[in-house]
Amino acid sequence: MHKKTAVNNTKMYIVSLKKSKGYGILLCAYWAGYQPQFLEAALKTVIFSKMRQCCAVCLVAVSFLLLAGCTNGNQELEDKTVVTVEKDGSVKAKLVESFAESYYSQEELIQMVNDELADYNSKHGEGSIIMDGYELADGLMHIDFSFANVTAYNDYMDDDIFVGTVSEAYSAGYDFNRMLSKASASENTIGKNDLMGMGDKKIVVLEGDAIVKTPSKIKYYSQGMLKGNAKTVSAVGDGIYFVVY
């Protein structure tokens, strides 16, 4: 989405690189013909933000193999974004992105993240989002985040999640016309009527593409997901996925 407006004979390019309801529309500006260095800064911001939208498409096959062959439940966490739902309602996430220093340095990337978090926390409360650490390995940047609640997660991350009971998910308008596999026997499936009967069971709804970890054993998960260990399942592409635990 691009909008143009004139301010003191300056061209202002407003680039919205996150979902419209999400946090932080990024403002990238330059003075045409006078201060081209602003264009370089804008491009760096565009590249960083675009990273989240294009995360790890080429890694789906790798994640598939790791999940299918994994027995300890840890190996699959290395190559794809991981969302961990905690018992207290907080959320942890490991964001995994391709990284090329030809566009910007690691220091510039981390500074941009810190600036975003400082801005968000100044508006929503200190500690709403915390960067716990980061590591660059094999061309992939791993950044660990802690979110105070689901709202903070959805504000910052590209993928959306819902955490609550099955009844609350239905009231929120999610489409229950889908098939779920039983975690203990994936060949066994359930449909809408079975799901509707689980009103007080806990559920995570993922809108996007990520690995989901729950605080207790998973009972059912959407077809089109891969099972890791007892508390881990992975999407294999963008979509809406149900995880009942």
C-alpha atoms as a PDB file:
ATOM      1  CA  MET A   1       0.000   0.000   0.000  1.00  0.00           C
ATOM      2  CA  HIS A   2       1.483   3.329  -1.007  1.00  0.00           C
ATOM      3  CA  LYS A   3       0.181   6.834  -0.269  1.00  0.00           C
ATOM      4  CA  LYS A   4       1.616  10.187  -1.322  1.00  0.00           C
ATOM      5  CA  THR A   5       1.325  13.508   0.435  1.00  0.00           C
ATOM      6  CA  ALA A   6       3.142  16.840   0.101  1.00  0.00           C
ATOM      7  CA  VAL A   7       4.909  18.309   3.134  1.00  0.00           C
ATOM      8  CA  ASN A   8       7.027  21.436   2.558  1.00  0.00           C
ATOM      9  CA  ASN A   9       7.576  20.440  -1.071  1.00  0.00           C
ATOM     10  CA  THR A  10       8.883  17.076   0.091  1.00  0.00           C
ATOM     11  CA  LYS A  11       7.769  13.727  -1.278  1.00  0.00           C
ATOM     12  CA  MET A  12       6.700  11.427   1.567  1.00  0.00           C
ATOM     13  CA  TYR A  13       6.360   7.750   0.759  1.00  0.00           C
ATOM     14  CA  ILE A  14       4.390   5.857   3.353  1.00  0.00           C
ATOM     15  CA  VAL A  15       5.010   2.167   3.047  1.00  0.00           C
ATOM     16  CA  SER A  16       2.757  -0.183   4.982  1.00  0.00           C
ATOM     17  CA  LEU A  17       4.646  -3.449   5.228  1.00  0.00           C
ATOM     18  CA  LYS A  18       2.608  -5.151   7.934  1.00  0.00           C
ATOM     19  CA  LYS A  19      -0.995  -6.241   8.061  1.00  0.00           C
ATOM     20  CA  SER A  20      -3.407  -3.342   8.237  1.00  0.00           C
ATOM     21  CA  LYS A  21      -4.570  -4.149  11.761  1.00  0.00           C
ATOM     22  CA  GLY A  22      -1.033  -4.819  12.959  1.00  0.00           C
ATOM     23  CA  TYR A  23       1.294  -2.557  14.867  1.00  0.00           C
ATOM     24  CA  GLY A  24       3.721  -0.119  13.395  1.00  0.00           C
ATOM     25  CA  ILE A  25       3.093   1.236   9.910  1.00  0.00           C
ATOM     26  CA  LEU A  26       6.620   2.175   8.884  1.00  0.00           C
ATOM     27  CA  LEU A  27       7.259   5.673   7.524  1.00  0.00           C
ATOM     28  CA  CYS A  28      10.037   5.894   4.948  1.00  0.00           C
ATOM     29  CA  ALA A  29      10.859   9.317   3.495  1.00  0.00           C
ATOM     30  CA  TYR A  30      13.402  11.007   1.308  1.00  0.00           C
ATOM     31  CA  TRP A  31      13.880  14.447  -0.188  1.00  0.00           C
ATOM     32  CA  ALA A  32      13.917  13.825  -3.954  1.00  0.00           C
ATOM     33  CA  GLY A  33      17.130  15.009  -5.511  1.00  0.00           C
ATOM     34  CA  TYR A  34      18.534  16.493  -2.313  1.00  0.00           C
ATOM     35  CA  GLN A  35      19.100  13.866   0.367  1.00  0.00           C
ATOM     36  CA  PRO A  36      19.291  10.452  -1.343  1.00  0.00           C
ATOM     37  CA  GLN A  37      20.766   8.860   1.784  1.00  0.00           C
ATOM     38  CA  PHE A  38      17.208   8.666   3.142  1.00  0.00           C
ATOM     39  CA  LEU A  39      16.345   6.314   0.300  1.00  0.00           C
ATOM     40  CA  GLU A  40      19.017   3.868   1.483  1.00  0.00           C
ATOM     41  CA  ALA A  41      17.585   3.899   5.011  1.00  0.00           C
ATOM     42  CA  ALA A  42      14.087   3.393   3.624  1.00  0.00           C
ATOM     43  CA  LEU A  43      15.185   0.434   1.549  1.00  0.00           C
ATOM     44  CA  LYS A  44      16.794  -1.198   4.596  1.00  0.00           C
ATOM     45  CA  THR A  45      13.540  -0.816   6.498  1.00  0.00           C
ATOM     46  CA  VAL A  46      11.592  -2.272   3.565  1.00  0.00           C
ATOM     47  CA  ILE A  47      13.894  -5.270   3.336  1.00  0.00           C
ATOM     48  CA  PHE A  48      13.719  -6.023   7.075  1.00  0.00           C
ATOM     49  CA  SER A  49       9.942  -5.761   7.228  1.00  0.00           C
ATOM     50  CA  LYS A  50       9.460  -7.766   4.067  1.00  0.00           C
ATOM     51  CA  MET A  51      11.498 -10.565   5.591  1.00  0.00           C
ATOM     52  CA  ARG A  52       8.720 -11.499   7.987  1.00  0.00           C
ATOM     53  CA  GLN A  53       6.169 -11.798   5.173  1.00  0.00           C
ATOM     54  CA  CYS A  54       8.393 -14.125   3.117  1.00  0.00           C
ATOM     55  CA  CYS A  55       9.654 -16.316   5.948  1.00  0.00           C
ATOM     56  CA  ALA A  56      11.226 -19.641   5.061  1.00  0.00           C
ATOM     57  CA  VAL A  57       9.161 -20.730   2.062  1.00  0.00           C
ATOM     58  CA  CYS A  58      12.143 -22.725   0.852  1.00  0.00           C
ATOM     59  CA  LEU A  59      12.478 -24.315   4.297  1.00  0.00           C
ATOM     60  CA  VAL A  60       9.091 -26.081   4.257  1.00  0.00           C
ATOM     61  CA  ALA A  61      10.573 -29.235   2.777  1.00  0.00           C
ATOM     62  CA  VAL A  62      13.363 -29.216   5.349  1.00  0.00           C
ATOM     63  CA  SER A  63      10.871 -28.762   8.188  1.00  0.00           C
ATOM     64  CA  PHE A  64       8.771 -31.614   6.782  1.00  0.00           C
ATOM     65  CA  LEU A  65      11.692 -34.022   6.854  1.00  0.00           C
ATOM     66  CA  LEU A  66      12.828 -32.943  10.292  1.00  0.00           C
ATOM     67  CA  LEU A  67       9.368 -33.262  11.805  1.00  0.00           C
ATOM     68  CA  ALA A  68       8.620 -36.579  10.123  1.00  0.00           C
ATOM     69  CA  GLY A  69      11.871 -38.134  11.311  1.00  0.00           C
ATOM     70  CA  CYS A  70      12.252 -36.363  14.637  1.00  0.00           C
ATOM     71  CA  THR A  71      11.836 -38.268  17.871  1.00  0.00           C
ATOM     72  CA  ASN A  72      13.152 -35.827  20.460  1.00  0.00           C
ATOM     73  CA  GLY A  73      11.002 -32.847  19.423  1.00  0.00           C
ATOM     74  CA  ASN A  74      13.902 -30.360  19.338  1.00  0.00           C
ATOM     75  CA  GLN A  75      15.533 -30.657  15.946  1.00  0.00           C
ATOM     76  CA  GLU A  76      12.618 -29.160  14.026  1.00  0.00           C
ATOM     77  CA  LEU A  77      12.921 -25.888  15.893  1.00  0.00           C
ATOM     78  CA  GLU A  78      16.068 -24.892  14.021  1.00  0.00           C
ATOM     79  CA  ASP A  79      14.720 -23.960  10.599  1.00  0.00           C
ATOM     80  CA  LYS A  80      11.282 -22.438  11.023  1.00  0.00           C
ATOM     81  CA  THR A  81       9.558 -19.847  13.195  1.00  0.00           C
ATOM     82  CA  VAL A  82       8.324 -21.374  16.443  1.00  0.00           C
ATOM     83  CA  VAL A  83       5.413 -20.103  18.566  1.00  0.00           C
ATOM     84  CA  THR A  84       5.238 -21.354  22.160  1.00  0.00           C
ATOM     85  CA  VAL A  85       2.039 -20.773  24.141  1.00  0.00           C
ATOM     86  CA  GLU A  86       2.625 -20.663  27.905  1.00  0.00           C
ATOM     87  CA  LYS A  87       0.196 -21.622  30.680  1.00  0.00           C
ATOM     88  CA  ASP A  88       0.059 -18.069  32.017  1.00  0.00           C
ATOM     89  CA  GLY A  89      -1.146 -16.620  28.707  1.00  0.00           C
ATOM     90  CA  SER A  90       2.203 -15.259  27.615  1.00  0.00           C
ATOM     91  CA  VAL A  91       3.768 -16.279  24.305  1.00  0.00           C
ATOM     92  CA  LYS A  92       7.328 -16.941  23.247  1.00  0.00           C
ATOM     93  CA  ALA A  93       8.480 -16.941  19.650  1.00  0.00           C
ATOM     94  CA  LYS A  94      11.635 -17.826  17.796  1.00  0.00           C
ATOM     95  CA  LEU A  95      11.594 -15.873  14.550  1.00  0.00           C
ATOM     96  CA  VAL A  96      13.719 -17.519  11.857  1.00  0.00           C
ATOM     97  CA  GLU A  97      14.565 -15.529   8.744  1.00  0.00           C
ATOM     98  CA  SER A  98      16.999 -15.722   5.854  1.00  0.00           C
ATOM     99  CA  PHE A  99      19.744 -13.161   6.350  1.00  0.00           C
ATOM    100  CA  ALA A 100      22.070 -11.536   3.826  1.00  0.00           C
ATOM    101  CA  GLU A 101      24.584  -8.990   5.084  1.00  0.00           C
ATOM    102  CA  SER A 102      24.883  -7.530   1.593  1.00  0.00           C
ATOM    103  CA  TYR A 103      21.688  -5.592   2.362  1.00  0.00           C
ATOM    104  CA  TYR A 104      22.459  -4.581   5.950  1.00  0.00           C
ATOM    105  CA  SER A 105      24.649  -5.676   8.838  1.00  0.00           C
ATOM    106  CA  GLN A 106      23.616  -7.817  11.767  1.00  0.00           C
ATOM    107  CA  GLU A 107      24.067  -4.796  14.027  1.00  0.00           C
ATOM    108  CA  GLU A 108      21.715  -2.697  11.892  1.00  0.00           C
ATOM    109  CA  LEU A 109      19.077  -5.421  11.932  1.00  0.00           C
ATOM    110  CA  ILE A 110      19.177  -5.801  15.715  1.00  0.00           C
ATOM    111  CA  GLN A 111      19.092  -2.031  16.174  1.00  0.00           C
ATOM    112  CA  MET A 112      15.970  -1.822  14.011  1.00  0.00           C
ATOM    113  CA  VAL A 113      14.334  -4.523  16.140  1.00  0.00           C
ATOM    114  CA  ASN A 114      15.293  -2.736  19.356  1.00  0.00           C
ATOM    115  CA  ASP A 115      13.880   0.533  18.030  1.00  0.00           C
ATOM    116  CA  GLU A 116      10.584  -1.141  17.105  1.00  0.00           C
ATOM    117  CA  LEU A 117      10.262  -2.768  20.518  1.00  0.00           C
ATOM    118  CA  ALA A 118      11.114   0.423  22.384  1.00  0.00           C
ATOM    119  CA  ASP A 119       8.453   2.291  20.423  1.00  0.00           C
ATOM    120  CA  TYR A 120       5.847  -0.428  21.021  1.00  0.00           C
ATOM    121  CA  ASN A 121       6.597  -0.750  24.724  1.00  0.00           C
ATOM    122  CA  SER A 122       6.398   3.008  25.206  1.00  0.00           C
ATOM    123  CA  LYS A 123       2.784   2.849  24.019  1.00  0.00           C
ATOM    124  CA  HIS A 124       1.639  -0.477  25.491  1.00  0.00           C
ATOM    125  CA  GLY A 125       3.631  -0.886  28.670  1.00  0.00           C
ATOM    126  CA  GLU A 126       7.209  -1.768  29.528  1.00  0.00           C
ATOM    127  CA  GLY A 127       7.948  -5.440  28.916  1.00  0.00           C
ATOM    128  CA  SER A 128       5.060  -5.995  26.504  1.00  0.00           C
ATOM    129  CA  ILE A 129       7.606  -7.386  24.038  1.00  0.00           C
ATOM    130  CA  ILE A 130      11.146  -8.386  24.961  1.00  0.00           C
ATOM    131  CA  MET A 131      13.929  -9.593  22.683  1.00  0.00           C
ATOM    132  CA  ASP A 132      15.541 -12.428  24.634  1.00  0.00           C
ATOM    133  CA  GLY A 133      18.430 -13.066  22.282  1.00  0.00           C
ATOM    134  CA  TYR A 134      19.560 -13.647  18.721  1.00  0.00           C
ATOM    135  CA  GLU A 135      21.954 -15.807  16.764  1.00  0.00           C
ATOM    136  CA  LEU A 136      23.116 -15.938  13.148  1.00  0.00           C
ATOM    137  CA  ALA A 137      23.820 -19.454  11.898  1.00  0.00           C
ATOM    138  CA  ASP A 138      24.050 -20.930   8.392  1.00  0.00           C
ATOM    139  CA  GLY A 139      22.538 -17.854   6.757  1.00  0.00           C
ATOM    140  CA  LEU A 140      19.539 -17.810   9.108  1.00  0.00           C
ATOM    141  CA  MET A 141      18.875 -15.200  11.777  1.00  0.00           C
ATOM    142  CA  HIS A 142      17.194 -16.592  14.903  1.00  0.00           C
ATOM    143  CA  ILE A 143      15.583 -13.963  17.152  1.00  0.00           C
ATOM    144  CA  ASP A 144      13.879 -14.954  20.406  1.00  0.00           C
ATOM    145  CA  PHE A 145      10.962 -12.867  21.688  1.00  0.00           C
ATOM    146  CA  SER A 146       8.777 -12.925  24.798  1.00  0.00           C
ATOM    147  CA  PHE A 147       5.282 -11.442  24.508  1.00  0.00           C
ATOM    148  CA  ALA A 148       3.281 -10.496  27.593  1.00  0.00           C
ATOM    149  CA  ASN A 149       0.080 -11.730  25.950  1.00  0.00           C
ATOM    150  CA  VAL A 150      -1.486 -12.844  22.687  1.00  0.00           C
ATOM    151  CA  THR A 151      -2.404  -9.265  21.762  1.00  0.00           C
ATOM    152  CA  ALA A 152       1.237  -8.184  21.820  1.00  0.00           C
ATOM    153  CA  TYR A 153       2.172 -11.190  19.695  1.00  0.00           C
ATOM    154  CA  ASN A 154      -0.489 -10.431  17.096  1.00  0.00           C
ATOM    155  CA  ASP A 155       0.457  -6.761  17.033  1.00  0.00           C
ATOM    156  CA  TYR A 156       4.084  -7.473  16.207  1.00  0.00           C
ATOM    157  CA  MET A 157       4.271 -10.771  14.331  1.00  0.00           C
ATOM    158  CA  ASP A 158       2.928 -11.457  10.856  1.00  0.00           C
ATOM    159  CA  ASP A 159       1.219 -14.708  11.861  1.00  0.00           C
ATOM    160  CA  ASP A 160      -1.892 -14.345  14.048  1.00  0.00           C
ATOM    161  CA  ILE A 161      -2.833 -16.698  16.859  1.00  0.00           C
ATOM    162  CA  PHE A 162      -5.927 -17.174  18.983  1.00  0.00           C
ATOM    163  CA  VAL A 163      -5.640 -18.853  22.390  1.00  0.00           C
ATOM    164  CA  GLY A 164      -8.714 -19.774  24.418  1.00  0.00           C
ATOM    165  CA  THR A 165     -11.383 -22.449  24.665  1.00  0.00           C
ATOM    166  CA  VAL A 166     -13.044 -24.146  21.723  1.00  0.00           C
ATOM    167  CA  SER A 167     -16.300 -22.331  22.574  1.00  0.00           C
ATOM    168  CA  GLU A 168     -14.501 -18.986  22.585  1.00  0.00           C
ATOM    169  CA  ALA A 169     -12.933 -19.749  19.210  1.00  0.00           C
ATOM    170  CA  TYR A 170     -16.364 -20.527  17.772  1.00  0.00           C
ATOM    171  CA  SER A 171     -17.775 -17.295  19.224  1.00  0.00           C
ATOM    172  CA  ALA A 172     -14.849 -15.424  17.675  1.00  0.00           C
ATOM    173  CA  GLY A 173     -16.095 -16.529  14.268  1.00  0.00           C
ATOM    174  CA  TYR A 174     -13.625 -19.227  13.257  1.00  0.00           C
ATOM    175  CA  ASP A 175     -14.939 -21.719  10.702  1.00  0.00           C
ATOM    176  CA  PHE A 176     -15.333 -25.141  12.293  1.00  0.00           C
ATOM    177  CA  ASN A 177     -16.046 -26.887   8.998  1.00  0.00           C
ATOM    178  CA  ARG A 178     -12.733 -28.717   8.922  1.00  0.00           C
ATOM    179  CA  MET A 179     -11.172 -32.070   9.721  1.00  0.00           C
ATOM    180  CA  LEU A 180      -8.736 -32.598  12.572  1.00  0.00           C
ATOM    181  CA  SER A 181      -6.409 -35.555  13.097  1.00  0.00           C
ATOM    182  CA  LYS A 182      -6.223 -37.319  16.438  1.00  0.00           C
ATOM    183  CA  ALA A 183      -2.738 -36.888  17.888  1.00  0.00           C
ATOM    184  CA  SER A 184      -2.549 -40.449  19.199  1.00  0.00           C
ATOM    185  CA  ALA A 185      -3.646 -41.937  15.871  1.00  0.00           C
ATOM    186  CA  SER A 186      -3.400 -39.559  12.923  1.00  0.00           C
ATOM    187  CA  GLU A 187      -5.493 -41.838  10.702  1.00  0.00           C
ATOM    188  CA  ASN A 188      -8.463 -41.096  12.977  1.00  0.00           C
ATOM    189  CA  THR A 189     -10.161 -37.777  12.297  1.00  0.00           C
ATOM    190  CA  ILE A 190     -12.930 -35.641  13.757  1.00  0.00           C
ATOM    191  CA  GLY A 191     -15.162 -32.988  12.208  1.00  0.00           C
ATOM    192  CA  LYS A 192     -17.299 -30.014  13.178  1.00  0.00           C
ATOM    193  CA  ASN A 193     -19.785 -31.872  15.393  1.00  0.00           C
ATOM    194  CA  ASP A 194     -17.025 -33.498  17.448  1.00  0.00           C
ATOM    195  CA  LEU A 195     -15.208 -30.193  17.748  1.00  0.00           C
ATOM    196  CA  MET A 196     -18.338 -28.384  18.889  1.00  0.00           C
ATOM    197  CA  GLY A 197     -18.626 -30.899  21.715  1.00  0.00           C
ATOM    198  CA  MET A 198     -15.233 -29.878  23.127  1.00  0.00           C
ATOM    199  CA  GLY A 199     -16.393 -26.490  24.341  1.00  0.00           C
ATOM    200  CA  ASP A 200     -14.108 -26.152  27.365  1.00  0.00           C
ATOM    201  CA  LYS A 201     -10.999 -27.680  25.780  1.00  0.00           C
ATOM    202  CA  LYS A 202      -8.101 -25.324  25.095  1.00  0.00           C
ATOM    203  CA  ILE A 203      -7.281 -24.433  21.512  1.00  0.00           C
ATOM    204  CA  VAL A 204      -4.671 -22.504  19.558  1.00  0.00           C
ATOM    205  CA  VAL A 205      -5.734 -21.178  16.169  1.00  0.00           C
ATOM    206  CA  LEU A 206      -2.816 -20.274  13.925  1.00  0.00           C
ATOM    207  CA  GLU A 207      -3.315 -17.992  10.946  1.00  0.00           C
ATOM    208  CA  GLY A 208      -0.095 -18.309   9.006  1.00  0.00           C
ATOM    209  CA  ASP A 209       2.812 -20.726   8.802  1.00  0.00           C
ATOM    210  CA  ALA A 210       4.748 -21.706  11.932  1.00  0.00           C
ATOM    211  CA  ILE A 211       5.566 -24.460  14.389  1.00  0.00           C
ATOM    212  CA  VAL A 212       3.212 -24.402  17.394  1.00  0.00           C
ATOM    213  CA  LYS A 213       4.151 -25.619  20.872  1.00  0.00           C
ATOM    214  CA  THR A 214       1.461 -25.979  23.538  1.00  0.00           C
ATOM    215  CA  PRO A 215       1.796 -26.130  27.352  1.00  0.00           C
ATOM    216  CA  SER A 216       0.201 -29.598  27.542  1.00  0.00           C
ATOM    217  CA  LYS A 217      -0.222 -32.611  25.258  1.00  0.00           C
ATOM    218  CA  ILE A 218      -1.937 -31.992  21.934  1.00  0.00           C
ATOM    219  CA  LYS A 219      -5.161 -33.938  21.444  1.00  0.00           C
ATOM    220  CA  TYR A 220      -6.145 -32.955  17.889  1.00  0.00           C
ATOM    221  CA  TYR A 221      -4.618 -30.858  15.119  1.00  0.00           C
ATOM    222  CA  SER A 222      -5.699 -29.681  11.681  1.00  0.00           C
ATOM    223  CA  GLN A 223      -5.077 -31.830   8.664  1.00  0.00           C
ATOM    224  CA  GLY A 224      -2.232 -30.248   6.766  1.00  0.00           C
ATOM    225  CA  MET A 225      -0.046 -30.055   9.861  1.00  0.00           C
ATOM    226  CA  LEU A 226       2.839 -32.318  10.840  1.00  0.00           C
ATOM    227  CA  LYS A 227       3.206 -33.757  14.328  1.00  0.00           C
ATOM    228  CA  GLY A 228       6.516 -33.449  16.143  1.00  0.00           C
ATOM    229  CA  ASN A 229       6.562 -34.446  19.800  1.00  0.00           C
ATOM    230  CA  ALA A 230       3.536 -34.617  22.104  1.00  0.00           C
ATOM    231  CA  LYS A 231       3.327 -30.823  22.397  1.00  0.00           C
ATOM    232  CA  THR A 232       4.513 -29.760  18.933  1.00  0.00           C
ATOM    233  CA  VAL A 233       2.905 -29.527  15.509  1.00  0.00           C
ATOM    234  CA  SER A 234       3.935 -27.631  12.391  1.00  0.00           C
ATOM    235  CA  ALA A 235       2.041 -25.985   9.576  1.00  0.00           C
ATOM    236  CA  VAL A 236       3.431 -26.697   6.112  1.00  0.00           C
ATOM    237  CA  GLY A 237       2.237 -23.495   4.444  1.00  0.00           C
ATOM    238  CA  ASP A 238       0.067 -20.452   5.063  1.00  0.00           C
ATOM    239  CA  GLY A 239      -3.396 -21.306   6.308  1.00  0.00           C
ATOM    240  CA  ILE A 240      -5.715 -21.446   9.307  1.00  0.00           C
ATOM    241  CA  TYR A 241      -4.895 -24.308  11.648  1.00  0.00           C
ATOM    242  CA  PHE A 242      -6.546 -25.638  14.807  1.00  0.00           C
ATOM    243  CA  VAL A 243      -4.568 -27.231  17.638  1.00  0.00           C
ATOM    244  CA  VAL A 244      -6.637 -28.661  20.522  1.00  0.00           C
ATOM    245  CA  TYR A 245      -4.801 -29.573  23.716  1.00  0.00           C
END
